[in-house]
Amino acid sequence: MMLTFSEMEMDTLYARIGYTAEQIAQLQELSPFNPALFTLLSCAWGIMACAYLVWVRDCFRPEKAEIEIKSYQQRKAEEEAANPEEQPRRRMRLD
């Protein structure tokens, strides 16, 4: 877009699009835009698009942490190993 707007006149661009001479004359009267402004807007749009892609790149990375499935016995053994001081007390039997 930047190359198109910086190298080509707007009249030529409208003619290649297929506008008639009357439509081109009306656009020149109504449109405050010129090729320099279109070039600047294209550059700004490109910078914003690149910034957006950098901002969302983290959404497309695979997760690093994998979920490990453990059985009840494994979890209980790990808990007991982590807390060795807490030994289960024997229950008193009331007869």
N, C-alpha and C. Protein backbone atom coordinates (compact mmCIF):
# COMPACT_ATOMS: atom_id res chain seq x y z
N MET A 1 0.83 -1.18 0.00
CA MET A 1 0.00 0.00 0.00
C MET A 1 0.87 1.25 0.00
N MET A 2 1.95 1.22 0.81
CA MET A 2 2.81 2.39 0.86
C MET A 2 3.43 2.67 -0.50
N LEU A 3 3.88 1.62 -1.19
CA LEU A 3 4.48 1.81 -2.51
C LEU A 3 3.45 2.31 -3.52
N THR A 4 2.25 1.78 -3.46
CA THR A 4 1.21 2.21 -4.40
C THR A 4 0.88 3.68 -4.21
N PHE A 5 0.66 4.10 -2.98
CA PHE A 5 0.26 5.47 -2.73
C PHE A 5 1.41 6.46 -2.92
N SER A 6 2.64 6.02 -2.70
CA SER A 6 3.75 6.96 -2.85
C SER A 6 4.18 7.11 -4.31
N GLU A 7 3.93 6.13 -5.17
CA GLU A 7 4.40 6.18 -6.55
C GLU A 7 3.31 6.56 -7.56
N MET A 8 2.06 6.43 -7.21
CA MET A 8 0.98 6.61 -8.18
C MET A 8 0.09 7.78 -7.76
N GLU A 9 -0.33 8.55 -8.73
CA GLU A 9 -1.28 9.62 -8.47
C GLU A 9 -2.66 9.03 -8.22
N MET A 10 -3.46 9.71 -7.43
CA MET A 10 -4.78 9.20 -7.09
C MET A 10 -5.68 9.11 -8.32
N ASP A 11 -5.55 10.06 -9.25
CA ASP A 11 -6.38 9.99 -10.48
C ASP A 11 -6.09 8.71 -11.25
N THR A 12 -4.81 8.37 -11.38
CA THR A 12 -4.42 7.16 -12.10
C THR A 12 -4.93 5.92 -11.37
N LEU A 13 -4.83 5.94 -10.05
CA LEU A 13 -5.30 4.81 -9.25
C LEU A 13 -6.80 4.61 -9.42
N TYR A 14 -7.57 5.70 -9.35
CA TYR A 14 -9.02 5.61 -9.53
C TYR A 14 -9.36 5.12 -10.93
N ALA A 15 -8.62 5.57 -11.94
CA ALA A 15 -8.88 5.15 -13.32
C ALA A 15 -8.60 3.66 -13.48
N ARG A 16 -7.55 3.15 -12.85
CA ARG A 16 -7.23 1.72 -12.95
C ARG A 16 -8.25 0.86 -12.19
N ILE A 17 -8.83 1.41 -11.16
CA ILE A 17 -9.87 0.69 -10.42
C ILE A 17 -11.12 0.56 -11.29
N GLY A 18 -11.34 1.54 -12.19
CA GLY A 18 -12.50 1.46 -13.08
C GLY A 18 -13.50 2.57 -12.87
N TYR A 19 -13.13 3.62 -12.15
CA TYR A 19 -14.03 4.74 -11.95
C TYR A 19 -14.10 5.57 -13.22
N THR A 20 -15.25 6.19 -13.44
CA THR A 20 -15.41 7.06 -14.61
C THR A 20 -14.80 8.42 -14.29
N ALA A 21 -14.67 9.26 -15.31
CA ALA A 21 -14.08 10.60 -15.13
C ALA A 21 -14.95 11.44 -14.21
N GLU A 22 -16.28 11.28 -14.29
CA GLU A 22 -17.18 12.04 -13.42
C GLU A 22 -16.99 11.63 -11.95
N GLN A 23 -16.86 10.33 -11.71
CA GLN A 23 -16.66 9.86 -10.34
C GLN A 23 -15.31 10.35 -9.79
N ILE A 24 -14.29 10.36 -10.62
CA ILE A 24 -12.98 10.84 -10.18
C ILE A 24 -13.04 12.32 -9.83
N ALA A 25 -13.77 13.11 -10.63
CA ALA A 25 -13.92 14.54 -10.36
C ALA A 25 -14.65 14.76 -9.04
N GLN A 26 -15.68 13.97 -8.78
CA GLN A 26 -16.42 14.10 -7.52
C GLN A 26 -15.55 13.70 -6.34
N LEU A 27 -14.74 12.68 -6.50
CA LEU A 27 -13.86 12.26 -5.41
C LEU A 27 -12.81 13.32 -5.11
N GLN A 28 -12.32 14.01 -6.13
CA GLN A 28 -11.33 15.05 -5.91
C GLN A 28 -11.94 16.23 -5.16
N GLU A 29 -13.21 16.52 -5.41
CA GLU A 29 -13.88 17.62 -4.71
C GLU A 29 -14.14 17.29 -3.24
N LEU A 30 -14.54 16.06 -2.97
CA LEU A 30 -14.96 15.66 -1.63
C LEU A 30 -13.82 15.16 -0.75
N SER A 31 -12.83 14.57 -1.36
CA SER A 31 -11.81 13.88 -0.59
C SER A 31 -10.66 14.82 -0.19
N PRO A 32 -10.39 14.95 1.10
CA PRO A 32 -9.26 15.76 1.54
C PRO A 32 -7.96 14.96 1.55
N PHE A 33 -8.02 13.71 1.14
CA PHE A 33 -6.85 12.84 1.20
C PHE A 33 -5.96 13.05 -0.02
N ASN A 34 -4.67 12.93 0.21
CA ASN A 34 -3.71 12.97 -0.88
C ASN A 34 -2.77 11.77 -0.74
N PRO A 35 -1.94 11.50 -1.72
CA PRO A 35 -1.08 10.31 -1.65
C PRO A 35 -0.14 10.30 -0.44
N ALA A 36 0.33 11.45 -0.01
CA ALA A 36 1.22 11.50 1.15
C ALA A 36 0.48 11.07 2.42
N LEU A 37 -0.76 11.49 2.55
CA LEU A 37 -1.54 11.10 3.73
C LEU A 37 -1.85 9.61 3.71
N PHE A 38 -2.18 9.07 2.53
CA PHE A 38 -2.43 7.63 2.43
C PHE A 38 -1.16 6.84 2.75
N THR A 39 0.00 7.33 2.33
CA THR A 39 1.26 6.66 2.64
C THR A 39 1.50 6.67 4.14
N LEU A 40 1.26 7.79 4.78
CA LEU A 40 1.44 7.90 6.23
C LEU A 40 0.47 6.98 6.98
N LEU A 41 -0.77 6.95 6.53
CA LEU A 41 -1.76 6.08 7.18
C LEU A 41 -1.40 4.61 6.99
N SER A 42 -0.90 4.24 5.83
CA SER A 42 -0.48 2.86 5.58
C SER A 42 0.68 2.47 6.49
N CYS A 43 1.61 3.39 6.68
CA CYS A 43 2.74 3.14 7.56
C CYS A 43 2.27 2.97 9.01
N ALA A 44 1.37 3.84 9.44
CA ALA A 44 0.85 3.74 10.81
C ALA A 44 0.09 2.43 11.00
N TRP A 45 -0.70 2.04 9.99
CA TRP A 45 -1.44 0.78 10.09
C TRP A 45 -0.47 -0.39 10.19
N GLY A 46 0.60 -0.38 9.40
CA GLY A 46 1.58 -1.46 9.45
C GLY A 46 2.26 -1.57 10.80
N ILE A 47 2.60 -0.44 11.38
CA ILE A 47 3.23 -0.45 12.71
C ILE A 47 2.27 -0.99 13.76
N MET A 48 1.00 -0.58 13.70
CA MET A 48 0.01 -1.07 14.66
C MET A 48 -0.23 -2.57 14.49
N ALA A 49 -0.26 -3.05 13.25
CA ALA A 49 -0.46 -4.48 13.01
C ALA A 49 0.71 -5.29 13.56
N CYS A 50 1.93 -4.82 13.36
CA CYS A 50 3.10 -5.53 13.91
C CYS A 50 3.09 -5.51 15.43
N ALA A 51 2.73 -4.38 16.03
CA ALA A 51 2.65 -4.30 17.49
C ALA A 51 1.62 -5.27 18.03
N TYR A 52 0.47 -5.39 17.37
CA TYR A 52 -0.56 -6.33 17.79
C TYR A 52 -0.06 -7.77 17.71
N LEU A 53 0.64 -8.12 16.64
CA LEU A 53 1.15 -9.48 16.50
C LEU A 53 2.19 -9.80 17.58
N VAL A 54 3.00 -8.84 17.95
CA VAL A 54 3.96 -9.05 19.04
C VAL A 54 3.22 -9.21 20.36
N TRP A 55 2.14 -8.46 20.54
CA TRP A 55 1.39 -8.50 21.79
C TRP A 55 0.68 -9.84 21.97
N VAL A 56 0.17 -10.45 20.89
CA VAL A 56 -0.59 -11.70 21.03
C VAL A 56 0.27 -12.94 20.83
N ARG A 57 1.57 -12.80 20.63
CA ARG A 57 2.39 -13.98 20.35
C ARG A 57 2.41 -14.97 21.50
N ASP A 58 2.25 -14.50 22.74
CA ASP A 58 2.25 -15.41 23.89
C ASP A 58 1.03 -16.32 23.89
N CYS A 59 -0.03 -15.94 23.22
CA CYS A 59 -1.23 -16.77 23.19
C CYS A 59 -1.04 -18.02 22.35
N PHE A 60 -0.03 -18.06 21.50
CA PHE A 60 0.14 -19.17 20.58
C PHE A 60 1.32 -20.06 20.93
N ARG A 61 1.90 -19.89 22.08
CA ARG A 61 3.00 -20.74 22.52
C ARG A 61 2.42 -21.94 23.28
N PRO A 62 3.05 -23.10 23.14
CA PRO A 62 2.54 -24.26 23.88
C PRO A 62 2.83 -24.11 25.37
N GLU A 63 2.00 -24.73 26.15
CA GLU A 63 2.19 -24.69 27.60
C GLU A 63 3.43 -25.48 27.98
N LYS A 64 4.17 -24.97 28.93
CA LYS A 64 5.39 -25.64 29.35
C LYS A 64 5.13 -26.69 30.42
N ALA A 65 4.20 -26.38 31.30
CA ALA A 65 3.91 -27.30 32.41
C ALA A 65 2.97 -28.40 31.94
N GLU A 66 3.39 -29.61 32.15
CA GLU A 66 2.54 -30.74 31.79
C GLU A 66 1.86 -31.24 33.06
N ILE A 67 0.66 -31.70 32.92
CA ILE A 67 -0.10 -32.22 34.05
C ILE A 67 0.28 -33.68 34.25
N GLU A 68 0.71 -33.99 35.46
CA GLU A 68 1.09 -35.36 35.76
C GLU A 68 -0.03 -36.02 36.56
N ILE A 69 -0.47 -37.14 36.11
CA ILE A 69 -1.54 -37.86 36.79
C ILE A 69 -0.92 -38.86 37.75
N LYS A 70 -1.33 -38.76 39.01
CA LYS A 70 -0.77 -39.64 40.04
C LYS A 70 -1.90 -40.40 40.71
N SER A 71 -1.56 -41.57 41.19
CA SER A 71 -2.53 -42.37 41.91
C SER A 71 -2.63 -41.86 43.35
N TYR A 72 -3.63 -42.35 44.03
CA TYR A 72 -3.82 -41.95 45.43
C TYR A 72 -2.62 -42.37 46.28
N GLN A 73 -2.09 -43.54 46.05
CA GLN A 73 -0.95 -44.02 46.82
C GLN A 73 0.28 -43.15 46.59
N GLN A 74 0.50 -42.71 45.36
CA GLN A 74 1.64 -41.85 45.08
C GLN A 74 1.50 -40.51 45.79
N ARG A 75 0.31 -39.92 45.72
CA ARG A 75 0.10 -38.63 46.39
C ARG A 75 0.26 -38.77 47.89
N LYS A 76 -0.26 -39.85 48.48
CA LYS A 76 -0.16 -40.06 49.91
C LYS A 76 1.29 -40.24 50.32
N ALA A 77 2.07 -40.98 49.53
CA ALA A 77 3.49 -41.18 49.84
C ALA A 77 4.26 -39.86 49.75
N GLU A 78 3.93 -39.03 48.77
CA GLU A 78 4.60 -37.74 48.65
C GLU A 78 4.25 -36.82 49.81
N GLU A 79 2.99 -36.83 50.24
CA GLU A 79 2.58 -36.01 51.38
C GLU A 79 3.28 -36.46 52.65
N GLU A 80 3.39 -37.75 52.85
CA GLU A 80 4.06 -38.26 54.04
C GLU A 80 5.55 -37.93 54.00
N ALA A 81 6.15 -37.96 52.82
CA ALA A 81 7.57 -37.63 52.69
C ALA A 81 7.80 -36.14 52.93
N ALA A 82 6.83 -35.31 52.54
CA ALA A 82 6.97 -33.87 52.73
C ALA A 82 6.76 -33.48 54.19
N ASN A 83 5.94 -34.20 54.91
CA ASN A 83 5.65 -33.91 56.32
C ASN A 83 6.00 -35.12 57.18
N PRO A 84 7.27 -35.37 57.43
CA PRO A 84 7.63 -36.57 58.20
C PRO A 84 7.28 -36.46 59.68
N GLU A 85 7.12 -35.25 60.19
CA GLU A 85 6.83 -35.06 61.62
C GLU A 85 5.42 -35.46 61.97
N GLU A 86 4.54 -35.34 61.05
CA GLU A 86 3.14 -35.64 61.33
C GLU A 86 2.86 -37.12 61.10
N GLN A 87 3.08 -37.91 62.10
CA GLN A 87 2.76 -39.34 62.04
C GLN A 87 1.35 -39.53 62.55
N PRO A 88 0.57 -40.33 61.91
CA PRO A 88 -0.79 -40.55 62.39
C PRO A 88 -0.75 -41.26 63.75
N ARG A 89 -1.55 -40.74 64.69
CA ARG A 89 -1.61 -41.35 66.02
C ARG A 89 -2.51 -42.55 66.00
N ARG A 90 -2.15 -43.50 66.82
CA ARG A 90 -3.00 -44.68 66.92
C ARG A 90 -4.25 -44.33 67.70
N ARG A 91 -5.32 -44.87 67.26
CA ARG A 91 -6.59 -44.62 67.94
C ARG A 91 -6.70 -45.52 69.15
N MET A 92 -7.28 -44.93 70.16
CA MET A 92 -7.51 -45.73 71.37
C MET A 92 -8.81 -46.49 71.18
N ARG A 93 -8.77 -47.69 71.65
CA ARG A 93 -9.95 -48.51 71.50
C ARG A 93 -10.73 -48.49 72.81
N LEU A 94 -11.97 -48.14 72.69
CA LEU A 94 -12.82 -48.12 73.88
C LEU A 94 -13.70 -49.36 73.86
N ASP A 95 -13.49 -50.21 74.87
CA ASP A 95 -14.30 -51.42 74.97
C ASP A 95 -15.32 -51.31 76.06
